[in-house]
Amino acid sequence: HSVIHYYLGNLACLRKDYASARAAYE
């Protein structure tokens, strides 16, 4: 489910963990 990865990316962004956010959004 892409939406789960999208929300994990959002959480990573909030933590300023942009590498994890990128991986989740990808």
mmCIF file of all heavy atoms, coordinates in Angstrom:
data_MODEL
# 
_entry.id   MODEL 
# 
loop_
_atom_site.group_PDB 
_atom_site.id 
_atom_site.type_symbol 
_atom_site.label_atom_id 
_atom_site.label_alt_id 
_atom_site.label_comp_id 
_atom_site.label_asym_id 
_atom_site.label_entity_id 
_atom_site.label_seq_id 
_atom_site.pdbx_PDB_ins_code 
_atom_site.Cartn_x 
_atom_site.Cartn_y 
_atom_site.Cartn_z 
_atom_site.occupancy 
_atom_site.B_iso_or_equiv 
_atom_site.pdbx_formal_charge 
_atom_site.auth_seq_id 
_atom_site.auth_comp_id 
_atom_site.auth_asym_id 
_atom_site.auth_atom_id 
_atom_site.pdbx_PDB_model_num 
ATOM 1   N N   . HIS A 1 1  ? 0.839  -1.206 0.000  1.00 0.00 ? 1  HIS A N   1 
ATOM 2   C CA  . HIS A 1 1  ? 0.000  0.000  0.000  1.00 0.00 ? 1  HIS A CA  1 
ATOM 3   C C   . HIS A 1 1  ? 0.871  1.252  0.000  1.00 0.00 ? 1  HIS A C   1 
ATOM 4   O O   . HIS A 1 1  ? 1.593  1.509  0.962  1.00 0.00 ? 1  HIS A O   1 
ATOM 5   C CB  . HIS A 1 1  ? -0.949 0.017  1.196  1.00 0.00 ? 1  HIS A CB  1 
ATOM 6   C CG  . HIS A 1 1  ? -2.028 -1.009 1.101  1.00 0.00 ? 1  HIS A CG  1 
ATOM 7   N ND1 . HIS A 1 1  ? -3.070 -0.898 0.217  1.00 0.00 ? 1  HIS A ND1 1 
ATOM 8   C CD2 . HIS A 1 1  ? -2.209 -2.179 1.749  1.00 0.00 ? 1  HIS A CD2 1 
ATOM 9   C CE1 . HIS A 1 1  ? -3.864 -1.947 0.331  1.00 0.00 ? 1  HIS A CE1 1 
ATOM 10  N NE2 . HIS A 1 1  ? -3.357 -2.742 1.251  1.00 0.00 ? 1  HIS A NE2 1 
ATOM 11  N N   . SER A 1 2  ? 0.790  2.008  -1.064 1.00 0.00 ? 2  SER A N   1 
ATOM 12  C CA  . SER A 1 2  ? 1.628  3.202  -1.187 1.00 0.00 ? 2  SER A CA  1 
ATOM 13  C C   . SER A 1 2  ? 1.354  4.206  -0.072 1.00 0.00 ? 2  SER A C   1 
ATOM 14  O O   . SER A 1 2  ? 2.272  4.898  0.368  1.00 0.00 ? 2  SER A O   1 
ATOM 15  C CB  . SER A 1 2  ? 1.440  3.852  -2.554 1.00 0.00 ? 2  SER A CB  1 
ATOM 16  O OG  . SER A 1 2  ? 0.131  4.364  -2.702 1.00 0.00 ? 2  SER A OG  1 
ATOM 17  N N   . VAL A 1 3  ? 0.130  4.267  0.404  1.00 0.00 ? 3  VAL A N   1 
ATOM 18  C CA  . VAL A 1 3  ? -0.215 5.269  1.412  1.00 0.00 ? 3  VAL A CA  1 
ATOM 19  C C   . VAL A 1 3  ? 0.558  5.041  2.715  1.00 0.00 ? 3  VAL A C   1 
ATOM 20  O O   . VAL A 1 3  ? 0.934  6.003  3.391  1.00 0.00 ? 3  VAL A O   1 
ATOM 21  C CB  . VAL A 1 3  ? -1.743 5.327  1.642  1.00 0.00 ? 3  VAL A CB  1 
ATOM 22  C CG1 . VAL A 1 3  ? -2.257 4.103  2.369  1.00 0.00 ? 3  VAL A CG1 1 
ATOM 23  C CG2 . VAL A 1 3  ? -2.137 6.587  2.382  1.00 0.00 ? 3  VAL A CG2 1 
ATOM 24  N N   . ILE A 1 4  ? 0.846  3.795  3.059  1.00 0.00 ? 4  ILE A N   1 
ATOM 25  C CA  . ILE A 1 4  ? 1.636  3.522  4.268  1.00 0.00 ? 4  ILE A CA  1 
ATOM 26  C C   . ILE A 1 4  ? 3.035  4.112  4.108  1.00 0.00 ? 4  ILE A C   1 
ATOM 27  O O   . ILE A 1 4  ? 3.556  4.772  5.018  1.00 0.00 ? 4  ILE A O   1 
ATOM 28  C CB  . ILE A 1 4  ? 1.711  2.008  4.546  1.00 0.00 ? 4  ILE A CB  1 
ATOM 29  C CG1 . ILE A 1 4  ? 0.318  1.435  4.829  1.00 0.00 ? 4  ILE A CG1 1 
ATOM 30  C CG2 . ILE A 1 4  ? 2.658  1.722  5.720  1.00 0.00 ? 4  ILE A CG2 1 
ATOM 31  C CD1 . ILE A 1 4  ? 0.263  -0.085 4.871  1.00 0.00 ? 4  ILE A CD1 1 
ATOM 32  N N   . HIS A 1 5  ? 3.626  3.902  2.954  1.00 0.00 ? 5  HIS A N   1 
ATOM 33  C CA  . HIS A 1 5  ? 4.972  4.428  2.694  1.00 0.00 ? 5  HIS A CA  1 
ATOM 34  C C   . HIS A 1 5  ? 4.950  5.953  2.669  1.00 0.00 ? 5  HIS A C   1 
ATOM 35  O O   . HIS A 1 5  ? 5.882  6.600  3.165  1.00 0.00 ? 5  HIS A O   1 
ATOM 36  C CB  . HIS A 1 5  ? 5.513  3.859  1.390  1.00 0.00 ? 5  HIS A CB  1 
ATOM 37  C CG  . HIS A 1 5  ? 5.698  2.383  1.443  1.00 0.00 ? 5  HIS A CG  1 
ATOM 38  N ND1 . HIS A 1 5  ? 6.782  1.780  2.038  1.00 0.00 ? 5  HIS A ND1 1 
ATOM 39  C CD2 . HIS A 1 5  ? 4.906  1.369  1.003  1.00 0.00 ? 5  HIS A CD2 1 
ATOM 40  C CE1 . HIS A 1 5  ? 6.666  0.474  1.954  1.00 0.00 ? 5  HIS A CE1 1 
ATOM 41  N NE2 . HIS A 1 5  ? 5.530  0.195  1.328  1.00 0.00 ? 5  HIS A NE2 1 
ATOM 42  N N   . TYR A 1 6  ? 3.892  6.522  2.106  1.00 0.00 ? 6  TYR A N   1 
ATOM 43  C CA  . TYR A 1 6  ? 3.748  7.980  2.084  1.00 0.00 ? 6  TYR A CA  1 
ATOM 44  C C   . TYR A 1 6  ? 3.750  8.549  3.503  1.00 0.00 ? 6  TYR A C   1 
ATOM 45  O O   . TYR A 1 6  ? 4.483  9.494  3.804  1.00 0.00 ? 6  TYR A O   1 
ATOM 46  C CB  . TYR A 1 6  ? 2.464  8.368  1.335  1.00 0.00 ? 6  TYR A CB  1 
ATOM 47  C CG  . TYR A 1 6  ? 2.091  9.817  1.468  1.00 0.00 ? 6  TYR A CG  1 
ATOM 48  C CD1 . TYR A 1 6  ? 2.792  10.799 0.776  1.00 0.00 ? 6  TYR A CD1 1 
ATOM 49  C CD2 . TYR A 1 6  ? 1.042  10.216 2.288  1.00 0.00 ? 6  TYR A CD2 1 
ATOM 50  C CE1 . TYR A 1 6  ? 2.454  12.137 0.897  1.00 0.00 ? 6  TYR A CE1 1 
ATOM 51  C CE2 . TYR A 1 6  ? 0.693  11.543 2.411  1.00 0.00 ? 6  TYR A CE2 1 
ATOM 52  C CZ  . TYR A 1 6  ? 1.405  12.501 1.715  1.00 0.00 ? 6  TYR A CZ  1 
ATOM 53  O OH  . TYR A 1 6  ? 1.075  13.832 1.846  1.00 0.00 ? 6  TYR A OH  1 
ATOM 54  N N   . TYR A 1 7  ? 2.961  7.966  4.382  1.00 0.00 ? 7  TYR A N   1 
ATOM 55  C CA  . TYR A 1 7  ? 2.895  8.468  5.752  1.00 0.00 ? 7  TYR A CA  1 
ATOM 56  C C   . TYR A 1 7  ? 4.189  8.215  6.517  1.00 0.00 ? 7  TYR A C   1 
ATOM 57  O O   . TYR A 1 7  ? 4.603  9.057  7.337  1.00 0.00 ? 7  TYR A O   1 
ATOM 58  C CB  . TYR A 1 7  ? 1.690  7.904  6.491  1.00 0.00 ? 7  TYR A CB  1 
ATOM 59  C CG  . TYR A 1 7  ? 0.404  8.554  6.054  1.00 0.00 ? 7  TYR A CG  1 
ATOM 60  C CD1 . TYR A 1 7  ? -0.610 7.812  5.486  1.00 0.00 ? 7  TYR A CD1 1 
ATOM 61  C CD2 . TYR A 1 7  ? 0.219  9.925  6.193  1.00 0.00 ? 7  TYR A CD2 1 
ATOM 62  C CE1 . TYR A 1 7  ? -1.787 8.420  5.068  1.00 0.00 ? 7  TYR A CE1 1 
ATOM 63  C CE2 . TYR A 1 7  ? -0.948 10.541 5.767  1.00 0.00 ? 7  TYR A CE2 1 
ATOM 64  C CZ  . TYR A 1 7  ? -1.950 9.776  5.214  1.00 0.00 ? 7  TYR A CZ  1 
ATOM 65  O OH  . TYR A 1 7  ? -3.110 10.376 4.789  1.00 0.00 ? 7  TYR A OH  1 
ATOM 66  N N   . LEU A 1 8  ? 4.871  7.110  6.252  1.00 0.00 ? 8  LEU A N   1 
ATOM 67  C CA  . LEU A 1 8  ? 6.184  6.898  6.861  1.00 0.00 ? 8  LEU A CA  1 
ATOM 68  C C   . LEU A 1 8  ? 7.169  7.967  6.386  1.00 0.00 ? 8  LEU A C   1 
ATOM 69  O O   . LEU A 1 8  ? 7.993  8.454  7.165  1.00 0.00 ? 8  LEU A O   1 
ATOM 70  C CB  . LEU A 1 8  ? 6.703  5.496  6.547  1.00 0.00 ? 8  LEU A CB  1 
ATOM 71  C CG  . LEU A 1 8  ? 6.053  4.368  7.329  1.00 0.00 ? 8  LEU A CG  1 
ATOM 72  C CD1 . LEU A 1 8  ? 6.471  3.014  6.763  1.00 0.00 ? 8  LEU A CD1 1 
ATOM 73  C CD2 . LEU A 1 8  ? 6.395  4.456  8.818  1.00 0.00 ? 8  LEU A CD2 1 
ATOM 74  N N   . GLY A 1 9  ? 7.070  8.334  5.120  1.00 0.00 ? 9  GLY A N   1 
ATOM 75  C CA  . GLY A 1 9  ? 7.897  9.421  4.597  1.00 0.00 ? 9  GLY A CA  1 
ATOM 76  C C   . GLY A 1 9  ? 7.604  10.736 5.295  1.00 0.00 ? 9  GLY A C   1 
ATOM 77  O O   . GLY A 1 9  ? 8.517  11.491 5.638  1.00 0.00 ? 9  GLY A O   1 
ATOM 78  N N   . ASN A 1 10 ? 6.326  11.000 5.534  1.00 0.00 ? 10 ASN A N   1 
ATOM 79  C CA  . ASN A 1 10 ? 5.963  12.236 6.234  1.00 0.00 ? 10 ASN A CA  1 
ATOM 80  C C   . ASN A 1 10 ? 6.542  12.263 7.648  1.00 0.00 ? 10 ASN A C   1 
ATOM 81  O O   . ASN A 1 10 ? 7.052  13.294 8.101  1.00 0.00 ? 10 ASN A O   1 
ATOM 82  C CB  . ASN A 1 10 ? 4.441  12.381 6.306  1.00 0.00 ? 10 ASN A CB  1 
ATOM 83  C CG  . ASN A 1 10 ? 3.824  12.710 4.969  1.00 0.00 ? 10 ASN A CG  1 
ATOM 84  O OD1 . ASN A 1 10 ? 4.515  13.027 4.008  1.00 0.00 ? 10 ASN A OD1 1 
ATOM 85  N ND2 . ASN A 1 10 ? 2.517  12.615 4.884  1.00 0.00 ? 10 ASN A ND2 1 
ATOM 86  N N   . LEU A 1 11 ? 6.467  11.130 8.337  1.00 0.00 ? 11 LEU A N   1 
ATOM 87  C CA  . LEU A 1 11 ? 7.039  11.062 9.688  1.00 0.00 ? 11 LEU A CA  1 
ATOM 88  C C   . LEU A 1 11 ? 8.550  11.274 9.653  1.00 0.00 ? 11 LEU A C   1 
ATOM 89  O O   . LEU A 1 11 ? 9.104  11.986 10.499 1.00 0.00 ? 11 LEU A O   1 
ATOM 90  C CB  . LEU A 1 11 ? 6.693  9.728  10.347 1.00 0.00 ? 11 LEU A CB  1 
ATOM 91  C CG  . LEU A 1 11 ? 5.232  9.527  10.726 1.00 0.00 ? 11 LEU A CG  1 
ATOM 92  C CD1 . LEU A 1 11 ? 4.997  8.102  11.206 1.00 0.00 ? 11 LEU A CD1 1 
ATOM 93  C CD2 . LEU A 1 11 ? 4.812  10.521 11.791 1.00 0.00 ? 11 LEU A CD2 1 
ATOM 94  N N   . ALA A 1 12 ? 9.217  10.684 8.677  1.00 0.00 ? 12 ALA A N   1 
ATOM 95  C CA  . ALA A 1 12 ? 10.666 10.873 8.542  1.00 0.00 ? 12 ALA A CA  1 
ATOM 96  C C   . ALA A 1 12 ? 10.989 12.344 8.268  1.00 0.00 ? 12 ALA A C   1 
ATOM 97  O O   . ALA A 1 12 ? 11.959 12.879 8.818  1.00 0.00 ? 12 ALA A O   1 
ATOM 98  C CB  . ALA A 1 12 ? 11.215 9.974  7.444  1.00 0.00 ? 12 ALA A CB  1 
ATOM 99  N N   . CYS A 1 13 ? 10.172 12.999 7.459  1.00 0.00 ? 13 CYS A N   1 
ATOM 100 C CA  . CYS A 1 13 ? 10.381 14.429 7.186  1.00 0.00 ? 13 CYS A CA  1 
ATOM 101 C C   . CYS A 1 13 ? 10.256 15.259 8.462  1.00 0.00 ? 13 CYS A C   1 
ATOM 102 O O   . CYS A 1 13 ? 11.035 16.187 8.684  1.00 0.00 ? 13 CYS A O   1 
ATOM 103 C CB  . CYS A 1 13 ? 9.393  14.936 6.140  1.00 0.00 ? 13 CYS A CB  1 
ATOM 104 S SG  . CYS A 1 13 ? 9.926  14.671 4.460  1.00 0.00 ? 13 CYS A SG  1 
ATOM 105 N N   . LEU A 1 14 ? 9.287  14.930 9.271  1.00 0.00 ? 14 LEU A N   1 
ATOM 106 C CA  . LEU A 1 14 ? 9.117  15.646 10.534 1.00 0.00 ? 14 LEU A CA  1 
ATOM 107 C C   . LEU A 1 14 ? 10.354 15.513 11.420 1.00 0.00 ? 14 LEU A C   1 
ATOM 108 O O   . LEU A 1 14 ? 10.692 16.444 12.164 1.00 0.00 ? 14 LEU A O   1 
ATOM 109 C CB  . LEU A 1 14 ? 7.879  15.142 11.278 1.00 0.00 ? 14 LEU A CB  1 
ATOM 110 C CG  . LEU A 1 14 ? 6.539  15.512 10.659 1.00 0.00 ? 14 LEU A CG  1 
ATOM 111 C CD1 . LEU A 1 14 ? 5.405  14.790 11.383 1.00 0.00 ? 14 LEU A CD1 1 
ATOM 112 C CD2 . LEU A 1 14 ? 6.331  17.021 10.692 1.00 0.00 ? 14 LEU A CD2 1 
ATOM 113 N N   . ARG A 1 15 ? 11.031 14.383 11.325 1.00 0.00 ? 15 ARG A N   1 
ATOM 114 C CA  . ARG A 1 15 ? 12.263 14.163 12.093 1.00 0.00 ? 15 ARG A CA  1 
ATOM 115 C C   . ARG A 1 15 ? 13.489 14.722 11.355 1.00 0.00 ? 15 ARG A C   1 
ATOM 116 O O   . ARG A 1 15 ? 14.603 14.601 11.855 1.00 0.00 ? 15 ARG A O   1 
ATOM 117 C CB  . ARG A 1 15 ? 12.477 12.670 12.335 1.00 0.00 ? 15 ARG A CB  1 
ATOM 118 C CG  . ARG A 1 15 ? 11.481 12.028 13.260 1.00 0.00 ? 15 ARG A CG  1 
ATOM 119 C CD  . ARG A 1 15 ? 11.896 10.600 13.626 1.00 0.00 ? 15 ARG A CD  1 
ATOM 120 N NE  . ARG A 1 15 ? 12.320 9.807  12.491 1.00 0.00 ? 15 ARG A NE  1 
ATOM 121 C CZ  . ARG A 1 15 ? 11.536 8.980  11.791 1.00 0.00 ? 15 ARG A CZ  1 
ATOM 122 N NH1 . ARG A 1 15 ? 10.261 8.831  12.127 1.00 0.00 ? 15 ARG A NH1 1 
ATOM 123 N NH2 . ARG A 1 15 ? 12.009 8.291  10.783 1.00 0.00 ? 15 ARG A NH2 1 
ATOM 124 N N   . LYS A 1 16 ? 13.262 15.279 10.175 1.00 0.00 ? 16 LYS A N   1 
ATOM 125 C CA  . LYS A 1 16 ? 14.329 15.781 9.304  1.00 0.00 ? 16 LYS A CA  1 
ATOM 126 C C   . LYS A 1 16 ? 15.285 14.667 8.865  1.00 0.00 ? 16 LYS A C   1 
ATOM 127 O O   . LYS A 1 16 ? 16.461 14.893 8.626  1.00 0.00 ? 16 LYS A O   1 
ATOM 128 C CB  . LYS A 1 16 ? 15.076 16.944 9.957  1.00 0.00 ? 16 LYS A CB  1 
ATOM 129 C CG  . LYS A 1 16 ? 14.182 18.144 10.219 1.00 0.00 ? 16 LYS A CG  1 
ATOM 130 C CD  . LYS A 1 16 ? 14.963 19.322 10.668 1.00 0.00 ? 16 LYS A CD  1 
ATOM 131 C CE  . LYS A 1 16 ? 14.127 20.507 11.074 1.00 0.00 ? 16 LYS A CE  1 
ATOM 132 N NZ  . LYS A 1 16 ? 12.991 20.866 10.330 1.00 0.00 ? 16 LYS A NZ  1 
ATOM 133 N N   . ASP A 1 17 ? 14.752 13.470 8.767  1.00 0.00 ? 17 ASP A N   1 
ATOM 134 C CA  . ASP A 1 17 ? 15.496 12.313 8.264  1.00 0.00 ? 17 ASP A CA  1 
ATOM 135 C C   . ASP A 1 17 ? 15.146 12.170 6.787  1.00 0.00 ? 17 ASP A C   1 
ATOM 136 O O   . ASP A 1 17 ? 14.326 11.340 6.392  1.00 0.00 ? 17 ASP A O   1 
ATOM 137 C CB  . ASP A 1 17 ? 15.108 11.063 9.062  1.00 0.00 ? 17 ASP A CB  1 
ATOM 138 C CG  . ASP A 1 17 ? 15.836 9.809  8.605  1.00 0.00 ? 17 ASP A CG  1 
ATOM 139 O OD1 . ASP A 1 17 ? 16.631 9.881  7.632  1.00 0.00 ? 17 ASP A OD1 1 
ATOM 140 O OD2 . ASP A 1 17 ? 15.590 8.751  9.202  1.00 0.00 ? 17 ASP A OD2 1 
ATOM 141 N N   . TYR A 1 18 ? 15.777 13.006 5.976  1.00 0.00 ? 18 TYR A N   1 
ATOM 142 C CA  . TYR A 1 18 ? 15.400 13.104 4.577  1.00 0.00 ? 18 TYR A CA  1 
ATOM 143 C C   . TYR A 1 18 ? 15.784 11.864 3.765  1.00 0.00 ? 18 TYR A C   1 
ATOM 144 O O   . TYR A 1 18 ? 15.114 11.544 2.793  1.00 0.00 ? 18 TYR A O   1 
ATOM 145 C CB  . TYR A 1 18 ? 15.973 14.377 3.967  1.00 0.00 ? 18 TYR A CB  1 
ATOM 146 C CG  . TYR A 1 18 ? 15.448 15.615 4.659  1.00 0.00 ? 18 TYR A CG  1 
ATOM 147 C CD1 . TYR A 1 18 ? 16.300 16.565 5.192  1.00 0.00 ? 18 TYR A CD1 1 
ATOM 148 C CD2 . TYR A 1 18 ? 14.073 15.812 4.817  1.00 0.00 ? 18 TYR A CD2 1 
ATOM 149 C CE1 . TYR A 1 18 ? 15.815 17.695 5.841  1.00 0.00 ? 18 TYR A CE1 1 
ATOM 150 C CE2 . TYR A 1 18 ? 13.576 16.927 5.470  1.00 0.00 ? 18 TYR A CE2 1 
ATOM 151 C CZ  . TYR A 1 18 ? 14.455 17.862 5.979  1.00 0.00 ? 18 TYR A CZ  1 
ATOM 152 O OH  . TYR A 1 18 ? 13.958 18.971 6.632  1.00 0.00 ? 18 TYR A OH  1 
ATOM 153 N N   . ALA A 1 19 ? 16.830 11.158 4.172  1.00 0.00 ? 19 ALA A N   1 
ATOM 154 C CA  . ALA A 1 19 ? 17.193 9.930  3.461  1.00 0.00 ? 19 ALA A CA  1 
ATOM 155 C C   . ALA A 1 19 ? 16.100 8.878  3.634  1.00 0.00 ? 19 ALA A C   1 
ATOM 156 O O   . ALA A 1 19 ? 15.700 8.229  2.663  1.00 0.00 ? 19 ALA A O   1 
ATOM 157 C CB  . ALA A 1 19 ? 18.535 9.407  3.958  1.00 0.00 ? 19 ALA A CB  1 
ATOM 158 N N   . SER A 1 20 ? 15.589 8.731  4.849  1.00 0.00 ? 20 SER A N   1 
ATOM 159 C CA  . SER A 1 20 ? 14.502 7.772  5.087  1.00 0.00 ? 20 SER A CA  1 
ATOM 160 C C   . SER A 1 20 ? 13.221 8.223  4.401  1.00 0.00 ? 20 SER A C   1 
ATOM 161 O O   . SER A 1 20 ? 12.471 7.403  3.872  1.00 0.00 ? 20 SER A O   1 
ATOM 162 C CB  . SER A 1 20 ? 14.254 7.590  6.583  1.00 0.00 ? 20 SER A CB  1 
ATOM 163 O OG  . SER A 1 20 ? 15.370 6.981  7.185  1.00 0.00 ? 20 SER A OG  1 
ATOM 164 N N   . ALA A 1 21 ? 12.975 9.532  4.422  1.00 0.00 ? 21 ALA A N   1 
ATOM 165 C CA  . ALA A 1 21 ? 11.782 10.063 3.752  1.00 0.00 ? 21 ALA A CA  1 
ATOM 166 C C   . ALA A 1 21 ? 11.851 9.766  2.262  1.00 0.00 ? 21 ALA A C   1 
ATOM 167 O O   . ALA A 1 21 ? 10.876 9.305  1.670  1.00 0.00 ? 21 ALA A O   1 
ATOM 168 C CB  . ALA A 1 21 ? 11.664 11.561 3.999  1.00 0.00 ? 21 ALA A CB  1 
ATOM 169 N N   . ARG A 1 22 ? 13.007 10.019 1.674  1.00 0.00 ? 22 ARG A N   1 
ATOM 170 C CA  . ARG A 1 22 ? 13.164 9.755  0.244  1.00 0.00 ? 22 ARG A CA  1 
ATOM 171 C C   . ARG A 1 22 ? 12.895 8.284  -0.066 1.00 0.00 ? 22 ARG A C   1 
ATOM 172 O O   . ARG A 1 22 ? 12.162 7.964  -1.006 1.00 0.00 ? 22 ARG A O   1 
ATOM 173 C CB  . ARG A 1 22 ? 14.569 10.135 -0.208 1.00 0.00 ? 22 ARG A CB  1 
ATOM 174 C CG  . ARG A 1 22 ? 14.809 9.821  -1.662 1.00 0.00 ? 22 ARG A CG  1 
ATOM 175 C CD  . ARG A 1 22 ? 16.199 10.160 -2.111 1.00 0.00 ? 22 ARG A CD  1 
ATOM 176 N NE  . ARG A 1 22 ? 16.354 9.808  -3.516 1.00 0.00 ? 22 ARG A NE  1 
ATOM 177 C CZ  . ARG A 1 22 ? 17.354 10.198 -4.270 1.00 0.00 ? 22 ARG A CZ  1 
ATOM 178 N NH1 . ARG A 1 22 ? 18.311 10.953 -3.772 1.00 0.00 ? 22 ARG A NH1 1 
ATOM 179 N NH2 . ARG A 1 22 ? 17.409 9.842  -5.525 1.00 0.00 ? 22 ARG A NH2 1 
ATOM 180 N N   . ALA A 1 23 ? 13.463 7.390  0.725  1.00 0.00 ? 23 ALA A N   1 
ATOM 181 C CA  . ALA A 1 23 ? 13.267 5.958  0.495  1.00 0.00 ? 23 ALA A CA  1 
ATOM 182 C C   . ALA A 1 23 ? 11.795 5.581  0.600  1.00 0.00 ? 23 ALA A C   1 
ATOM 183 O O   . ALA A 1 23 ? 11.283 4.807  -0.222 1.00 0.00 ? 23 ALA A O   1 
ATOM 184 C CB  . ALA A 1 23 ? 14.100 5.149  1.487  1.00 0.00 ? 23 ALA A CB  1 
ATOM 185 N N   . ALA A 1 24 ? 11.103 6.138  1.576  1.00 0.00 ? 24 ALA A N   1 
ATOM 186 C CA  . ALA A 1 24 ? 9.680  5.822  1.753  1.00 0.00 ? 24 ALA A CA  1 
ATOM 187 C C   . ALA A 1 24 ? 8.852  6.361  0.583  1.00 0.00 ? 24 ALA A C   1 
ATOM 188 O O   . ALA A 1 24 ? 7.987  5.651  0.048  1.00 0.00 ? 24 ALA A O   1 
ATOM 189 C CB  . ALA A 1 24 ? 9.179  6.396  3.079  1.00 0.00 ? 24 ALA A CB  1 
ATOM 190 N N   . TYR A 1 25 ? 9.112  7.601  0.181  1.00 0.00 ? 25 TYR A N   1 
ATOM 191 C CA  . TYR A 1 25 ? 8.361  8.172  -0.941 1.00 0.00 ? 25 TYR A CA  1 
ATOM 192 C C   . TYR A 1 25 ? 8.671  7.442  -2.245 1.00 0.00 ? 25 TYR A C   1 
ATOM 193 O O   . TYR A 1 25 ? 7.777  7.241  -3.069 1.00 0.00 ? 25 TYR A O   1 
ATOM 194 C CB  . TYR A 1 25 ? 8.667  9.663  -1.099 1.00 0.00 ? 25 TYR A CB  1 
ATOM 195 C CG  . TYR A 1 25 ? 8.195  10.529 0.040  1.00 0.00 ? 25 TYR A CG  1 
ATOM 196 C CD1 . TYR A 1 25 ? 8.979  11.568 0.512  1.00 0.00 ? 25 TYR A CD1 1 
ATOM 197 C CD2 . TYR A 1 25 ? 6.955  10.329 0.657  1.00 0.00 ? 25 TYR A CD2 1 
ATOM 198 C CE1 . TYR A 1 25 ? 8.561  12.386 1.542  1.00 0.00 ? 25 TYR A CE1 1 
ATOM 199 C CE2 . TYR A 1 25 ? 6.527  11.132 1.695  1.00 0.00 ? 25 TYR A CE2 1 
ATOM 200 C CZ  . TYR A 1 25 ? 7.333  12.160 2.134  1.00 0.00 ? 25 TYR A CZ  1 
ATOM 201 O OH  . TYR A 1 25 ? 6.911  12.971 3.159  1.00 0.00 ? 25 TYR A OH  1 
ATOM 202 N N   . GLU A 1 26 ? 9.924  7.064  -2.437 1.00 0.00 ? 26 GLU A N   1 
ATOM 203 C CA  . GLU A 1 26 ? 10.276 6.313  -3.647 1.00 0.00 ? 26 GLU A CA  1 
ATOM 204 C C   . GLU A 1 26 ? 9.519  4.985  -3.698 1.00 0.00 ? 26 GLU A C   1 
ATOM 205 O O   . GLU A 1 26 ? 9.039  4.585  -4.753 1.00 0.00 ? 26 GLU A O   1 
ATOM 206 C CB  . GLU A 1 26 ? 11.785 6.075  -3.729 1.00 0.00 ? 26 GLU A CB  1 
ATOM 207 C CG  . GLU A 1 26 ? 12.555 7.306  -4.122 1.00 0.00 ? 26 GLU A CG  1 
ATOM 208 C CD  . GLU A 1 26 ? 14.055 7.123  -4.087 1.00 0.00 ? 26 GLU A CD  1 
ATOM 209 O OE1 . GLU A 1 26 ? 14.552 6.221  -3.363 1.00 0.00 ? 26 GLU A OE1 1 
ATOM 210 O OE2 . GLU A 1 26 ? 14.744 7.887  -4.780 1.00 0.00 ? 26 GLU A OE2 1 
# 
